[in-house]
């Protein structure tokens, strides 16, 4: 897993962010999974089985080295500023749909958004 920390794409980055923020909430809610499903629908090239495996892998990567996994997020996204803004916007909308964040969850979300700016 350590070797996969800086590898992936936007789908895997989104899964990583949602798991990272969700862990601070001490739960992953159904609304988060619904948002992940919407993400999957937006990427028909990814099968449900591949998506499920990607979410599990991102969870494992965060468990192995959370700090390195978060810091590597920019490497999973295109260098294009507009694409990163779109991704950040998606993350903010998705997290907002899961309800109010606790202070640690908000700190984690803010940290990710700073990294992607």
C-alpha atoms as a PDB file:
ATOM      1  CA  UNK A   1       0.000   0.000   0.000  1.00  0.00           C
ATOM      2  CA  UNK A   2       2.808   2.417   0.794  1.00  0.00           C
ATOM      3  CA  UNK A   3       3.941   2.265  -2.825  1.00  0.00           C
ATOM      4  CA  UNK A   4       0.426   3.243  -4.019  1.00  0.00           C
ATOM      5  CA  UNK A   5       0.115   6.398  -1.899  1.00  0.00           C
ATOM      6  CA  UNK A   6       0.990   8.778  -4.765  1.00  0.00           C
ATOM      7  CA  UNK A   7      -0.849   6.795  -7.458  1.00  0.00           C
ATOM      8  CA  UNK A   8      -4.423   7.133  -8.598  1.00  0.00           C
ATOM      9  CA  UNK A   9      -6.929   9.388 -10.289  1.00  0.00           C
ATOM     10  CA  UNK A  10      -9.705  11.805  -9.366  1.00  0.00           C
ATOM     11  CA  UNK A  11     -12.099   9.013  -8.391  1.00  0.00           C
ATOM     12  CA  UNK A  12      -9.553   7.560  -5.993  1.00  0.00           C
ATOM     13  CA  UNK A  13      -8.660  11.019  -4.699  1.00  0.00           C
ATOM     14  CA  UNK A  14     -12.333  11.744  -3.972  1.00  0.00           C
ATOM     15  CA  UNK A  15     -12.715   8.432  -2.164  1.00  0.00           C
ATOM     16  CA  UNK A  16      -9.573   9.186  -0.134  1.00  0.00           C
ATOM     17  CA  UNK A  17     -10.809  12.645   0.850  1.00  0.00           C
ATOM     18  CA  UNK A  18     -14.272  11.427   1.819  1.00  0.00           C
ATOM     19  CA  UNK A  19     -12.838   8.612   3.922  1.00  0.00           C
ATOM     20  CA  UNK A  20     -10.307  10.983   5.521  1.00  0.00           C
ATOM     21  CA  UNK A  21     -12.948  13.543   6.482  1.00  0.00           C
ATOM     22  CA  UNK A  22     -15.431  10.832   7.443  1.00  0.00           C
ATOM     23  CA  UNK A  23     -12.965   9.226   9.832  1.00  0.00           C
ATOM     24  CA  UNK A  24     -12.903  12.458  11.840  1.00  0.00           C
ATOM     25  CA  UNK A  25     -16.654  12.181  12.181  1.00  0.00           C
ATOM     26  CA  UNK A  26     -16.109   8.663  13.542  1.00  0.00           C
ATOM     27  CA  UNK A  27     -18.552   7.424  10.941  1.00  0.00           C
ATOM     28  CA  UNK A  28     -19.196   7.255   7.250  1.00  0.00           C
ATOM     29  CA  UNK A  29     -22.845   8.094   6.673  1.00  0.00           C
ATOM     30  CA  UNK A  30     -25.221   6.878   3.994  1.00  0.00           C
ATOM     31  CA  UNK A  31     -25.179  10.362   2.435  1.00  0.00           C
ATOM     32  CA  UNK A  32     -21.421   9.999   1.894  1.00  0.00           C
ATOM     33  CA  UNK A  33     -21.976   6.689   0.110  1.00  0.00           C
ATOM     34  CA  UNK A  34     -24.727   8.271  -1.983  1.00  0.00           C
ATOM     35  CA  UNK A  35     -22.263  10.995  -2.995  1.00  0.00           C
ATOM     36  CA  UNK A  36     -19.694   8.355  -3.852  1.00  0.00           C
ATOM     37  CA  UNK A  37     -22.316   6.602  -5.990  1.00  0.00           C
ATOM     38  CA  UNK A  38     -22.953   9.875  -7.848  1.00  0.00           C
ATOM     39  CA  UNK A  39     -19.231  10.129  -8.445  1.00  0.00           C
ATOM     40  CA  UNK A  40     -19.261   6.601  -9.829  1.00  0.00           C
ATOM     41  CA  UNK A  41     -22.154   7.454 -12.160  1.00  0.00           C
ATOM     42  CA  UNK A  42     -20.157  10.396 -13.483  1.00  0.00           C
ATOM     43  CA  UNK A  43     -17.361   7.958 -14.403  1.00  0.00           C
ATOM     44  CA  UNK A  44     -19.011   5.140 -16.358  1.00  0.00           C
ATOM     45  CA  UNK A  45     -15.584   3.801 -17.301  1.00  0.00           C
ATOM     46  CA  UNK A  46     -15.236   2.578 -13.687  1.00  0.00           C
ATOM     47  CA  UNK A  47     -17.231  -0.530 -12.824  1.00  0.00           C
ATOM     48  CA  UNK A  48     -18.983  -0.793  -9.450  1.00  0.00           C
ATOM     49  CA  UNK A  49     -16.578  -3.567  -8.455  1.00  0.00           C
ATOM     50  CA  UNK A  50     -13.558  -1.424  -9.370  1.00  0.00           C
ATOM     51  CA  UNK A  51     -15.034   1.497  -7.467  1.00  0.00           C
ATOM     52  CA  UNK A  52     -15.669  -0.587  -4.365  1.00  0.00           C
ATOM     53  CA  UNK A  53     -12.100  -1.894  -4.527  1.00  0.00           C
ATOM     54  CA  UNK A  54     -10.804   1.689  -4.910  1.00  0.00           C
ATOM     55  CA  UNK A  55     -12.677   2.871  -1.796  1.00  0.00           C
ATOM     56  CA  UNK A  56     -11.318  -0.080   0.196  1.00  0.00           C
ATOM     57  CA  UNK A  57      -7.821   0.600  -1.079  1.00  0.00           C
ATOM     58  CA  UNK A  58      -8.011   4.294  -0.154  1.00  0.00           C
ATOM     59  CA  UNK A  59      -9.149   3.349   3.334  1.00  0.00           C
ATOM     60  CA  UNK A  60      -6.162   1.003   3.629  1.00  0.00           C
ATOM     61  CA  UNK A  61      -3.747   3.624   2.276  1.00  0.00           C
ATOM     62  CA  UNK A  62      -4.973   6.103   4.884  1.00  0.00           C
ATOM     63  CA  UNK A  63      -4.512   3.454   7.569  1.00  0.00           C
ATOM     64  CA  UNK A  64      -0.914   2.785   6.485  1.00  0.00           C
ATOM     65  CA  UNK A  65       0.271   6.403   6.423  1.00  0.00           C
ATOM     66  CA  UNK A  66      -2.449   8.998   6.798  1.00  0.00           C
ATOM     67  CA  UNK A  67      -0.155  12.021   6.601  1.00  0.00           C
ATOM     68  CA  UNK A  68       1.603  10.879   3.417  1.00  0.00           C
ATOM     69  CA  UNK A  69      -1.734   9.869   1.861  1.00  0.00           C
ATOM     70  CA  UNK A  70      -3.212  13.317   2.412  1.00  0.00           C
ATOM     71  CA  UNK A  71      -0.109  15.145   1.255  1.00  0.00           C
ATOM     72  CA  UNK A  72      -0.065  13.061  -1.942  1.00  0.00           C
ATOM     73  CA  UNK A  73      -3.597  14.094  -2.965  1.00  0.00           C
ATOM     74  CA  UNK A  74      -2.431  16.802  -5.407  1.00  0.00           C
ATOM     75  CA  UNK A  75      -0.453  14.140  -7.299  1.00  0.00           C
ATOM     76  CA  UNK A  76      -3.664  12.192  -7.976  1.00  0.00           C
ATOM     77  CA  UNK A  77      -5.273  15.132  -9.774  1.00  0.00           C
ATOM     78  CA  UNK A  78      -4.512  16.855 -13.064  1.00  0.00           C
ATOM     79  CA  UNK A  79      -2.239  19.905 -12.862  1.00  0.00           C
ATOM     80  CA  UNK A  80      -4.956  21.939 -14.603  1.00  0.00           C
ATOM     81  CA  UNK A  81      -6.224  24.630 -12.195  1.00  0.00           C
ATOM     82  CA  UNK A  82      -9.802  24.457 -13.488  1.00  0.00           C
ATOM     83  CA  UNK A  83      -9.957  20.691 -12.960  1.00  0.00           C
ATOM     84  CA  UNK A  84      -8.678  21.124  -9.401  1.00  0.00           C
ATOM     85  CA  UNK A  85     -11.269  23.831  -8.722  1.00  0.00           C
ATOM     86  CA  UNK A  86     -13.991  21.531 -10.036  1.00  0.00           C
ATOM     87  CA  UNK A  87     -12.697  18.729  -7.837  1.00  0.00           C
ATOM     88  CA  UNK A  88     -12.555  20.985  -4.771  1.00  0.00           C
ATOM     89  CA  UNK A  89     -16.072  22.180  -5.500  1.00  0.00           C
ATOM     90  CA  UNK A  90     -17.296  18.586  -5.789  1.00  0.00           C
ATOM     91  CA  UNK A  91     -15.657  17.717  -2.463  1.00  0.00           C
ATOM     92  CA  UNK A  92     -17.185  20.721  -0.692  1.00  0.00           C
ATOM     93  CA  UNK A  93     -20.649  19.939  -2.080  1.00  0.00           C
ATOM     94  CA  UNK A  94     -20.349  16.275  -1.202  1.00  0.00           C
ATOM     95  CA  UNK A  95     -19.154  16.907   2.339  1.00  0.00           C
ATOM     96  CA  UNK A  96     -21.863  19.541   2.868  1.00  0.00           C
ATOM     97  CA  UNK A  97     -24.459  16.949   1.857  1.00  0.00           C
ATOM     98  CA  UNK A  98     -23.316  14.668   4.683  1.00  0.00           C
ATOM     99  CA  UNK A  99     -24.301  17.204   7.325  1.00  0.00           C
ATOM    100  CA  UNK A 100     -22.457  19.436   9.753  1.00  0.00           C
ATOM    101  CA  UNK A 101     -18.834  18.540  10.403  1.00  0.00           C
ATOM    102  CA  UNK A 102     -17.342  18.329  13.853  1.00  0.00           C
ATOM    103  CA  UNK A 103     -14.287  20.584  14.412  1.00  0.00           C
ATOM    104  CA  UNK A 104     -11.801  17.846  13.436  1.00  0.00           C
ATOM    105  CA  UNK A 105     -13.764  17.039  10.281  1.00  0.00           C
ATOM    106  CA  UNK A 106     -13.819  20.729   9.314  1.00  0.00           C
ATOM    107  CA  UNK A 107     -10.075  20.993   9.980  1.00  0.00           C
ATOM    108  CA  UNK A 108      -9.456  17.988   7.735  1.00  0.00           C
ATOM    109  CA  UNK A 109     -11.626  19.382   4.955  1.00  0.00           C
ATOM    110  CA  UNK A 110      -9.906  22.790   5.176  1.00  0.00           C
ATOM    111  CA  UNK A 111      -6.508  21.053   5.062  1.00  0.00           C
ATOM    112  CA  UNK A 112      -7.420  19.155   1.896  1.00  0.00           C
ATOM    113  CA  UNK A 113      -8.794  22.263   0.200  1.00  0.00           C
ATOM    114  CA  UNK A 114      -5.592  24.180   1.002  1.00  0.00           C
ATOM    115  CA  UNK A 115      -3.495  21.376  -0.479  1.00  0.00           C
ATOM    116  CA  UNK A 116      -5.518  21.439  -3.681  1.00  0.00           C
ATOM    117  CA  UNK A 117      -5.559  25.230  -4.084  1.00  0.00           C
END
